[in-house]
């Protein structure tokens, strides 16, 4: 597939994603599922995943620093 076609598909998906959340502010109640509006569902998911995000970022930082400490020890042994 051509890169331009993939770019246009990505652009259309992005516009659809933005429209999904903006539509309820434009007055289209058709985007209400299971009694909750999409923006409220997004807020719920964000608050639910935020702790997991912090956990993963913390583990990533610890892993990077652990590797840095390990390389520092190996450099000192080499000298």
C-alpha atoms as a PDB file:
ATOM      1  CA  UNK A   1       0.000   0.000   0.000  1.00  0.00           C
ATOM      2  CA  UNK A   2       1.246   3.463  -0.842  1.00  0.00           C
ATOM      3  CA  UNK A   3       2.402   5.700   2.022  1.00  0.00           C
ATOM      4  CA  UNK A   4       0.021   8.455   0.892  1.00  0.00           C
ATOM      5  CA  UNK A   5      -2.962   6.103   1.121  1.00  0.00           C
ATOM      6  CA  UNK A   6      -1.911   5.006   4.609  1.00  0.00           C
ATOM      7  CA  UNK A   7      -1.535   8.663   5.619  1.00  0.00           C
ATOM      8  CA  UNK A   8      -5.046   9.488   4.371  1.00  0.00           C
ATOM      9  CA  UNK A   9      -6.493   6.455   6.193  1.00  0.00           C
ATOM     10  CA  UNK A  10      -4.742   7.580   9.380  1.00  0.00           C
ATOM     11  CA  UNK A  11      -6.093  11.097   8.916  1.00  0.00           C
ATOM     12  CA  UNK A  12      -9.649   9.794   8.480  1.00  0.00           C
ATOM     13  CA  UNK A  13      -9.350   7.634  11.597  1.00  0.00           C
ATOM     14  CA  UNK A  14      -8.026  10.625  13.555  1.00  0.00           C
ATOM     15  CA  UNK A  15     -10.893  12.828  12.418  1.00  0.00           C
ATOM     16  CA  UNK A  16     -13.385  10.088  13.315  1.00  0.00           C
ATOM     17  CA  UNK A  17     -11.839   9.809  16.789  1.00  0.00           C
ATOM     18  CA  UNK A  18     -12.078  13.548  17.359  1.00  0.00           C
ATOM     19  CA  UNK A  19     -15.653  13.601  16.057  1.00  0.00           C
ATOM     20  CA  UNK A  20     -16.595  10.775  18.425  1.00  0.00           C
ATOM     21  CA  UNK A  21     -15.967  12.994  21.449  1.00  0.00           C
ATOM     22  CA  UNK A  22     -17.017  16.330  19.955  1.00  0.00           C
ATOM     23  CA  UNK A  23     -20.351  15.006  18.617  1.00  0.00           C
ATOM     24  CA  UNK A  24     -22.067  15.054  22.004  1.00  0.00           C
ATOM     25  CA  UNK A  25     -21.240  18.746  22.380  1.00  0.00           C
ATOM     26  CA  UNK A  26     -22.716  19.358  18.943  1.00  0.00           C
ATOM     27  CA  UNK A  27     -26.017  17.911  20.124  1.00  0.00           C
ATOM     28  CA  UNK A  28     -25.958  14.403  18.651  1.00  0.00           C
ATOM     29  CA  UNK A  29     -27.267  12.084  21.386  1.00  0.00           C
ATOM     30  CA  UNK A  30     -26.822   9.067  19.091  1.00  0.00           C
ATOM     31  CA  UNK A  31     -23.364   8.595  20.585  1.00  0.00           C
ATOM     32  CA  UNK A  32     -24.765   7.755  24.007  1.00  0.00           C
ATOM     33  CA  UNK A  33     -24.252   4.070  24.777  1.00  0.00           C
ATOM     34  CA  UNK A  34     -25.324   2.172  27.877  1.00  0.00           C
ATOM     35  CA  UNK A  35     -26.506   5.355  29.582  1.00  0.00           C
ATOM     36  CA  UNK A  36     -23.124   7.116  29.503  1.00  0.00           C
ATOM     37  CA  UNK A  37     -21.788   9.709  27.131  1.00  0.00           C
ATOM     38  CA  UNK A  38     -18.488   9.022  25.417  1.00  0.00           C
ATOM     39  CA  UNK A  39     -16.604  11.885  27.099  1.00  0.00           C
ATOM     40  CA  UNK A  40     -17.654  10.608  30.537  1.00  0.00           C
ATOM     41  CA  UNK A  41     -16.517   7.113  29.583  1.00  0.00           C
ATOM     42  CA  UNK A  42     -13.167   8.565  28.470  1.00  0.00           C
ATOM     43  CA  UNK A  43     -12.778  10.309  31.830  1.00  0.00           C
ATOM     44  CA  UNK A  44     -13.550   7.065  33.663  1.00  0.00           C
ATOM     45  CA  UNK A  45     -10.986   5.126  31.655  1.00  0.00           C
ATOM     46  CA  UNK A  46      -8.389   7.868  32.117  1.00  0.00           C
ATOM     47  CA  UNK A  47      -8.791   7.886  35.895  1.00  0.00           C
ATOM     48  CA  UNK A  48      -8.779   4.089  35.993  1.00  0.00           C
ATOM     49  CA  UNK A  49      -5.620   3.734  33.911  1.00  0.00           C
ATOM     50  CA  UNK A  50      -3.653   6.641  35.394  1.00  0.00           C
ATOM     51  CA  UNK A  51      -2.298   4.580  38.305  1.00  0.00           C
ATOM     52  CA  UNK A  52      -1.212   1.826  35.945  1.00  0.00           C
ATOM     53  CA  UNK A  53       0.492   4.426  33.752  1.00  0.00           C
ATOM     54  CA  UNK A  54       2.420   5.764  36.762  1.00  0.00           C
ATOM     55  CA  UNK A  55       3.403   2.221  37.711  1.00  0.00           C
ATOM     56  CA  UNK A  56       4.737   1.457  34.239  1.00  0.00           C
ATOM     57  CA  UNK A  57       6.611   4.756  33.947  1.00  0.00           C
ATOM     58  CA  UNK A  58       8.171   4.170  37.364  1.00  0.00           C
ATOM     59  CA  UNK A  59       9.265   0.671  36.356  1.00  0.00           C
ATOM     60  CA  UNK A  60      10.707   1.997  33.106  1.00  0.00           C
ATOM     61  CA  UNK A  61      12.719   4.681  34.926  1.00  0.00           C
ATOM     62  CA  UNK A  62      13.967   2.116  37.459  1.00  0.00           C
ATOM     63  CA  UNK A  63      14.989  -0.271  34.659  1.00  0.00           C
ATOM     64  CA  UNK A  64      16.881   2.456  32.782  1.00  0.00           C
ATOM     65  CA  UNK A  65      18.686   3.568  35.925  1.00  0.00           C
ATOM     66  CA  UNK A  66      19.486  -0.037  36.885  1.00  0.00           C
ATOM     67  CA  UNK A  67      21.108  -0.568  33.487  1.00  0.00           C
ATOM     68  CA  UNK A  68      23.035   2.704  33.931  1.00  0.00           C
ATOM     69  CA  UNK A  69      24.303   1.585  37.343  1.00  0.00           C
ATOM     70  CA  UNK A  70      25.284  -1.782  35.878  1.00  0.00           C
ATOM     71  CA  UNK A  71      27.237  -0.118  33.047  1.00  0.00           C
ATOM     72  CA  UNK A  72      28.965   2.215  35.527  1.00  0.00           C
ATOM     73  CA  UNK A  73      30.108  -0.764  37.603  1.00  0.00           C
ATOM     74  CA  UNK A  74      31.417  -2.537  34.498  1.00  0.00           C
ATOM     75  CA  UNK A  75      33.340   0.591  33.446  1.00  0.00           C
ATOM     76  CA  UNK A  76      34.950   0.853  36.887  1.00  0.00           C
ATOM     77  CA  UNK A  77      35.937  -2.856  36.788  1.00  0.00           C
ATOM     78  CA  UNK A  78      37.509  -2.349  33.367  1.00  0.00           C
ATOM     79  CA  UNK A  79      39.768   0.452  34.606  1.00  0.00           C
END
